[in-house]
Amino acid sequence: MFLTDAGAALATRVRARHRTVVALLIAVGVPAATAEFDAEGIEHHVSETPLAAFEAFLRERQG
């Protein structure tokens, strides 16, 4: 099976959303296994505004 260019772009965005939510949860003290599990639900419901805030928080934290 192969993805179209549009499908590949969508998959990349979905993976990035997942990684952002997991990273945020871990950054605030959630154990990694729980963060992975909970991110599966959160990533489908979080809108672009809080997701951008999560990303900004993580960037600032990295210094």
PDB file of N, CA and C in Angstrom:
ATOM      1  N   MET A   1       0.842  -1.162   0.000  1.00  0.00           N
ATOM      2  CA  MET A   1       0.000   0.000   0.000  1.00  0.00           C
ATOM      3  C   MET A   1       0.893   1.232   0.000  1.00  0.00           C
ATOM      4  N   PHE A   2       0.487   2.219  -0.741  1.00  0.00           N
ATOM      5  CA  PHE A   2       1.216   3.475  -0.819  1.00  0.00           C
ATOM      6  C   PHE A   2       0.250   4.624  -0.564  1.00  0.00           C
ATOM      7  N   LEU A   3       0.767   5.656   0.064  1.00  0.00           N
ATOM      8  CA  LEU A   3      -0.045   6.850   0.299  1.00  0.00           C
ATOM      9  C   LEU A   3       0.140   7.833  -0.854  1.00  0.00           C
ATOM     10  N   THR A   4      -0.909   8.545  -1.144  1.00  0.00           N
ATOM     11  CA  THR A   4      -0.793   9.652  -2.082  1.00  0.00           C
ATOM     12  C   THR A   4       0.024  10.750  -1.406  1.00  0.00           C
ATOM     13  N   ASP A   5       0.410  11.760  -2.149  1.00  0.00           N
ATOM     14  CA  ASP A   5       1.126  12.887  -1.548  1.00  0.00           C
ATOM     15  C   ASP A   5       0.287  13.538  -0.456  1.00  0.00           C
ATOM     16  N   ALA A   6      -1.000  13.680  -0.717  1.00  0.00           N
ATOM     17  CA  ALA A   6      -1.898  14.273   0.283  1.00  0.00           C
ATOM     18  C   ALA A   6      -2.004  13.375   1.514  1.00  0.00           C
ATOM     19  N   GLY A   7      -2.080  12.082   1.309  1.00  0.00           N
ATOM     20  CA  GLY A   7      -2.157  11.137   2.422  1.00  0.00           C
ATOM     21  C   GLY A   7      -0.880  11.141   3.249  1.00  0.00           C
ATOM     22  N   ALA A   8       0.261  11.217   2.575  1.00  0.00           N
ATOM     23  CA  ALA A   8       1.539  11.270   3.278  1.00  0.00           C
ATOM     24  C   ALA A   8       1.652  12.555   4.095  1.00  0.00           C
ATOM     25  N   ALA A   9       1.193  13.665   3.540  1.00  0.00           N
ATOM     26  CA  ALA A   9       1.221  14.937   4.266  1.00  0.00           C
ATOM     27  C   ALA A   9       0.326  14.871   5.498  1.00  0.00           C
ATOM     28  N   LEU A  10      -0.841  14.272   5.346  1.00  0.00           N
ATOM     29  CA  LEU A  10      -1.752  14.116   6.479  1.00  0.00           C
ATOM     30  C   LEU A  10      -1.127  13.237   7.554  1.00  0.00           C
ATOM     31  N   ALA A  11      -0.510  12.137   7.161  1.00  0.00           N
ATOM     32  CA  ALA A  11       0.138  11.238   8.122  1.00  0.00           C
ATOM     33  C   ALA A  11       1.247  11.964   8.878  1.00  0.00           C
ATOM     34  N   THR A  12       1.989  12.802   8.195  1.00  0.00           N
ATOM     35  CA  THR A  12       3.052  13.573   8.841  1.00  0.00           C
ATOM     36  C   THR A  12       2.478  14.526   9.879  1.00  0.00           C
ATOM     37  N   ARG A  13       1.382  15.197   9.530  1.00  0.00           N
ATOM     38  CA  ARG A  13       0.738  16.118  10.482  1.00  0.00           C
ATOM     39  C   ARG A  13       0.190  15.364  11.700  1.00  0.00           C
ATOM     40  N   VAL A  14      -0.409  14.210  11.474  1.00  0.00           N
ATOM     41  CA  VAL A  14      -0.971  13.419  12.578  1.00  0.00           C
ATOM     42  C   VAL A  14       0.142  12.954  13.511  1.00  0.00           C
ATOM     43  N   ARG A  15       1.242  12.483  12.946  1.00  0.00           N
ATOM     44  CA  ARG A  15       2.375  12.055  13.784  1.00  0.00           C
ATOM     45  C   ARG A  15       2.923  13.220  14.592  1.00  0.00           C
ATOM     46  N   ALA A  16       3.025  14.395  13.978  1.00  0.00           N
ATOM     47  CA  ALA A  16       3.538  15.573  14.677  1.00  0.00           C
ATOM     48  C   ALA A  16       2.613  15.966  15.828  1.00  0.00           C
ATOM     49  N   ARG A  17       1.299  15.934  15.603  1.00  0.00           N
ATOM     50  CA  ARG A  17       0.333  16.239  16.670  1.00  0.00           C
ATOM     51  C   ARG A  17       0.526  15.269  17.834  1.00  0.00           C
ATOM     52  N   HIS A  18       0.656  13.993  17.496  1.00  0.00           N
ATOM     53  CA  HIS A  18       0.820  12.972  18.530  1.00  0.00           C
ATOM     54  C   HIS A  18       2.092  13.233  19.330  1.00  0.00           C
ATOM     55  N   ARG A  19       3.196  13.475  18.638  1.00  0.00           N
ATOM     56  CA  ARG A  19       4.472  13.711  19.327  1.00  0.00           C
ATOM     57  C   ARG A  19       4.391  14.954  20.220  1.00  0.00           C
ATOM     58  N   THR A  20       3.703  15.995  19.756  1.00  0.00           N
ATOM     59  CA  THR A  20       3.571  17.217  20.551  1.00  0.00           C
ATOM     60  C   THR A  20       2.790  16.945  21.827  1.00  0.00           C
ATOM     61  N   VAL A  21       1.669  16.253  21.705  1.00  0.00           N
ATOM     62  CA  VAL A  21       0.844  15.972  22.889  1.00  0.00           C
ATOM     63  C   VAL A  21       1.603  15.075  23.866  1.00  0.00           C
ATOM     64  N   VAL A  22       2.268  14.049  23.373  1.00  0.00           N
ATOM     65  CA  VAL A  22       3.050  13.168  24.247  1.00  0.00           C
ATOM     66  C   VAL A  22       4.134  13.975  24.952  1.00  0.00           C
ATOM     67  N   ALA A  23       4.870  14.794  24.205  1.00  0.00           N
ATOM     68  CA  ALA A  23       5.954  15.582  24.787  1.00  0.00           C
ATOM     69  C   ALA A  23       5.441  16.526  25.863  1.00  0.00           C
ATOM     70  N   LEU A  24       4.297  17.153  25.620  1.00  0.00           N
ATOM     71  CA  LEU A  24       3.735  18.056  26.622  1.00  0.00           C
ATOM     72  C   LEU A  24       3.361  17.292  27.888  1.00  0.00           C
ATOM     73  N   LEU A  25       2.683  16.173  27.719  1.00  0.00           N
ATOM     74  CA  LEU A  25       2.278  15.391  28.889  1.00  0.00           C
ATOM     75  C   LEU A  25       3.496  14.950  29.698  1.00  0.00           C
ATOM     76  N   ILE A  26       4.535  14.503  29.028  1.00  0.00           N
ATOM     77  CA  ILE A  26       5.755  14.095  29.731  1.00  0.00           C
ATOM     78  C   ILE A  26       6.395  15.298  30.417  1.00  0.00           C
ATOM     79  N   ALA A  27       6.397  16.453  29.746  1.00  0.00           N
ATOM     80  CA  ALA A  27       6.996  17.663  30.312  1.00  0.00           C
ATOM     81  C   ALA A  27       6.318  18.106  31.602  1.00  0.00           C
ATOM     82  N   VAL A  28       5.028  17.816  31.738  1.00  0.00           N
ATOM     83  CA  VAL A  28       4.323  18.218  32.965  1.00  0.00           C
ATOM     84  C   VAL A  28       4.256  17.092  33.983  1.00  0.00           C
ATOM     85  N   GLY A  29       5.005  16.011  33.726  1.00  0.00           N
ATOM     86  CA  GLY A  29       5.161  14.975  34.742  1.00  0.00           C
ATOM     87  C   GLY A  29       4.380  13.699  34.551  1.00  0.00           C
ATOM     88  N   VAL A  30       3.702  13.540  33.436  1.00  0.00           N
ATOM     89  CA  VAL A  30       2.949  12.307  33.185  1.00  0.00           C
ATOM     90  C   VAL A  30       3.945  11.226  32.763  1.00  0.00           C
ATOM     91  N   PRO A  31       3.862  10.037  33.356  1.00  0.00           N
ATOM     92  CA  PRO A  31       4.755   8.951  32.941  1.00  0.00           C
ATOM     93  C   PRO A  31       4.605   8.659  31.443  1.00  0.00           C
ATOM     94  N   ALA A  32       5.705   8.278  30.805  1.00  0.00           N
ATOM     95  CA  ALA A  32       5.734   8.100  29.350  1.00  0.00           C
ATOM     96  C   ALA A  32       4.662   7.143  28.838  1.00  0.00           C
ATOM     97  N   ALA A  33       4.469   6.008  29.490  1.00  0.00           N
ATOM     98  CA  ALA A  33       3.472   5.042  29.013  1.00  0.00           C
ATOM     99  C   ALA A  33       2.066   5.633  29.081  1.00  0.00           C
ATOM    100  N   THR A  34       1.774   6.351  30.147  1.00  0.00           N
ATOM    101  CA  THR A  34       0.471   6.990  30.285  1.00  0.00           C
ATOM    102  C   THR A  34       0.314   8.105  29.256  1.00  0.00           C
ATOM    103  N   ALA A  35       1.385   8.868  29.035  1.00  0.00           N
ATOM    104  CA  ALA A  35       1.348   9.948  28.050  1.00  0.00           C
ATOM    105  C   ALA A  35       1.041   9.399  26.661  1.00  0.00           C
ATOM    106  N   GLU A  36       1.677   8.303  26.293  1.00  0.00           N
ATOM    107  CA  GLU A  36       1.411   7.688  24.984  1.00  0.00           C
ATOM    108  C   GLU A  36      -0.050   7.264  24.876  1.00  0.00           C
ATOM    109  N   PHE A  37      -0.559   6.629  25.900  1.00  0.00           N
ATOM    110  CA  PHE A  37      -1.937   6.137  25.891  1.00  0.00           C
ATOM    111  C   PHE A  37      -2.931   7.296  25.824  1.00  0.00           C
ATOM    112  N   ASP A  38      -2.756   8.284  26.694  1.00  0.00           N
ATOM    113  CA  ASP A  38      -3.702   9.400  26.756  1.00  0.00           C
ATOM    114  C   ASP A  38      -3.620  10.295  25.528  1.00  0.00           C
ATOM    115  N   ALA A  39      -2.450  10.410  24.941  1.00  0.00           N
ATOM    116  CA  ALA A  39      -2.294  11.240  23.744  1.00  0.00           C
ATOM    117  C   ALA A  39      -3.167  10.735  22.608  1.00  0.00           C
ATOM    118  N   GLU A  40      -3.412   9.441  22.565  1.00  0.00           N
ATOM    119  CA  GLU A  40      -4.252   8.879  21.505  1.00  0.00           C
ATOM    120  C   GLU A  40      -5.632   9.516  21.480  1.00  0.00           C
ATOM    121  N   GLY A  41      -6.174   9.867  22.616  1.00  0.00           N
ATOM    122  CA  GLY A  41      -7.475  10.521  22.660  1.00  0.00           C
ATOM    123  C   GLY A  41      -7.377  12.022  22.536  1.00  0.00           C
ATOM    124  N   ILE A  42      -6.422  12.593  23.265  1.00  0.00           N
ATOM    125  CA  ILE A  42      -6.284  14.049  23.293  1.00  0.00           C
ATOM    126  C   ILE A  42      -6.000  14.609  21.903  1.00  0.00           C
ATOM    127  N   GLU A  43      -5.108  13.963  21.171  1.00  0.00           N
ATOM    128  CA  GLU A  43      -4.685  14.506  19.876  1.00  0.00           C
ATOM    129  C   GLU A  43      -5.834  14.627  18.886  1.00  0.00           C
ATOM    130  N   HIS A  44      -6.884  13.843  19.078  1.00  0.00           N
ATOM    131  CA  HIS A  44      -8.030  13.894  18.167  1.00  0.00           C
ATOM    132  C   HIS A  44      -9.013  15.001  18.519  1.00  0.00           C
ATOM    133  N   HIS A  45      -8.860  15.566  19.711  1.00  0.00           N
ATOM    134  CA  HIS A  45      -9.822  16.562  20.173  1.00  0.00           C
ATOM    135  C   HIS A  45      -9.232  17.947  20.356  1.00  0.00           C
ATOM    136  N   VAL A  46      -7.922  18.046  20.474  1.00  0.00           N
ATOM    137  CA  VAL A  46      -7.299  19.344  20.710  1.00  0.00           C
ATOM    138  C   VAL A  46      -7.320  20.158  19.405  1.00  0.00           C
ATOM    139  N   SER A  47      -7.699  21.425  19.538  1.00  0.00           N
ATOM    140  CA  SER A  47      -7.742  22.288  18.354  1.00  0.00           C
ATOM    141  C   SER A  47      -6.370  22.905  18.105  1.00  0.00           C
ATOM    142  N   GLU A  48      -6.261  23.651  17.018  1.00  0.00           N
ATOM    143  CA  GLU A  48      -4.974  24.205  16.615  1.00  0.00           C
ATOM    144  C   GLU A  48      -4.426  25.232  17.615  1.00  0.00           C
ATOM    145  N   THR A  49      -5.296  25.996  18.268  1.00  0.00           N
ATOM    146  CA  THR A  49      -4.828  27.030  19.197  1.00  0.00           C
ATOM    147  C   THR A  49      -4.082  26.433  20.387  1.00  0.00           C
ATOM    148  N   PRO A  50      -4.681  25.483  21.124  1.00  0.00           N
ATOM    149  CA  PRO A  50      -3.908  24.906  22.225  1.00  0.00           C
ATOM    150  C   PRO A  50      -2.709  24.101  21.736  1.00  0.00           C
ATOM    151  N   LEU A  51      -2.829  23.467  20.586  1.00  0.00           N
ATOM    152  CA  LEU A  51      -1.693  22.714  20.060  1.00  0.00           C
ATOM    153  C   LEU A  51      -0.511  23.656  19.806  1.00  0.00           C
ATOM    154  N   ALA A  52      -0.774  24.826  19.262  1.00  0.00           N
ATOM    155  CA  ALA A  52       0.288  25.818  19.049  1.00  0.00           C
ATOM    156  C   ALA A  52       0.870  26.274  20.383  1.00  0.00           C
ATOM    157  N   ALA A  53       0.023  26.428  21.398  1.00  0.00           N
ATOM    158  CA  ALA A  53       0.503  26.808  22.725  1.00  0.00           C
ATOM    159  C   ALA A  53       1.374  25.699  23.319  1.00  0.00           C
ATOM    160  N   PHE A  54       0.985  24.445  23.115  1.00  0.00           N
ATOM    161  CA  PHE A  54       1.802  23.311  23.576  1.00  0.00           C
ATOM    162  C   PHE A  54       3.186  23.381  22.936  1.00  0.00           C
ATOM    163  N   GLU A  55       3.204  23.607  21.619  1.00  0.00           N
ATOM    164  CA  GLU A  55       4.471  23.664  20.885  1.00  0.00           C
ATOM    165  C   GLU A  55       5.335  24.819  21.380  1.00  0.00           C
ATOM    166  N   ALA A  56       4.727  25.979  21.627  1.00  0.00           N
ATOM    167  CA  ALA A  56       5.471  27.140  22.133  1.00  0.00           C
ATOM    168  C   ALA A  56       6.043  26.846  23.513  1.00  0.00           C
ATOM    169  N   PHE A  57       5.251  26.239  24.376  1.00  0.00           N
ATOM    170  CA  PHE A  57       5.712  25.865  25.713  1.00  0.00           C
ATOM    171  C   PHE A  57       6.916  24.937  25.628  1.00  0.00           C
ATOM    172  N   LEU A  58       6.828  23.943  24.765  1.00  0.00           N
ATOM    173  CA  LEU A  58       7.916  22.969  24.621  1.00  0.00           C
ATOM    174  C   LEU A  58       9.172  23.626  24.055  1.00  0.00           C
ATOM    175  N   ARG A  59       9.015  24.550  23.101  1.00  0.00           N
ATOM    176  CA  ARG A  59      10.173  25.262  22.538  1.00  0.00           C
ATOM    177  C   ARG A  59      10.851  26.113  23.615  1.00  0.00           C
ATOM    178  N   GLU A  60      10.055  26.828  24.404  1.00  0.00           N
ATOM    179  CA  GLU A  60      10.605  27.675  25.468  1.00  0.00           C
ATOM    180  C   GLU A  60      11.336  26.832  26.506  1.00  0.00           C
ATOM    181  N   ARG A  61      10.784  25.687  26.786  1.00  0.00           N
ATOM    182  CA  ARG A  61      11.373  24.791  27.785  1.00  0.00           C
ATOM    183  C   ARG A  61      12.723  24.261  27.341  1.00  0.00           C
ATOM    184  N   GLN A  62      12.886  24.093  26.025  1.00  0.00           N
ATOM    185  CA  GLN A  62      14.140  23.581  25.478  1.00  0.00           C
ATOM    186  C   GLN A  62      15.230  24.643  25.529  1.00  0.00           C
ATOM    187  N   GLY A  63      14.814  25.886  25.654  1.00  0.00           N
ATOM    188  CA  GLY A  63      15.744  26.993  25.817  1.00  0.00           C
ATOM    189  C   GLY A  63      16.378  27.427  24.575  1.00  0.00           C
TER     190      GLY A  63
END
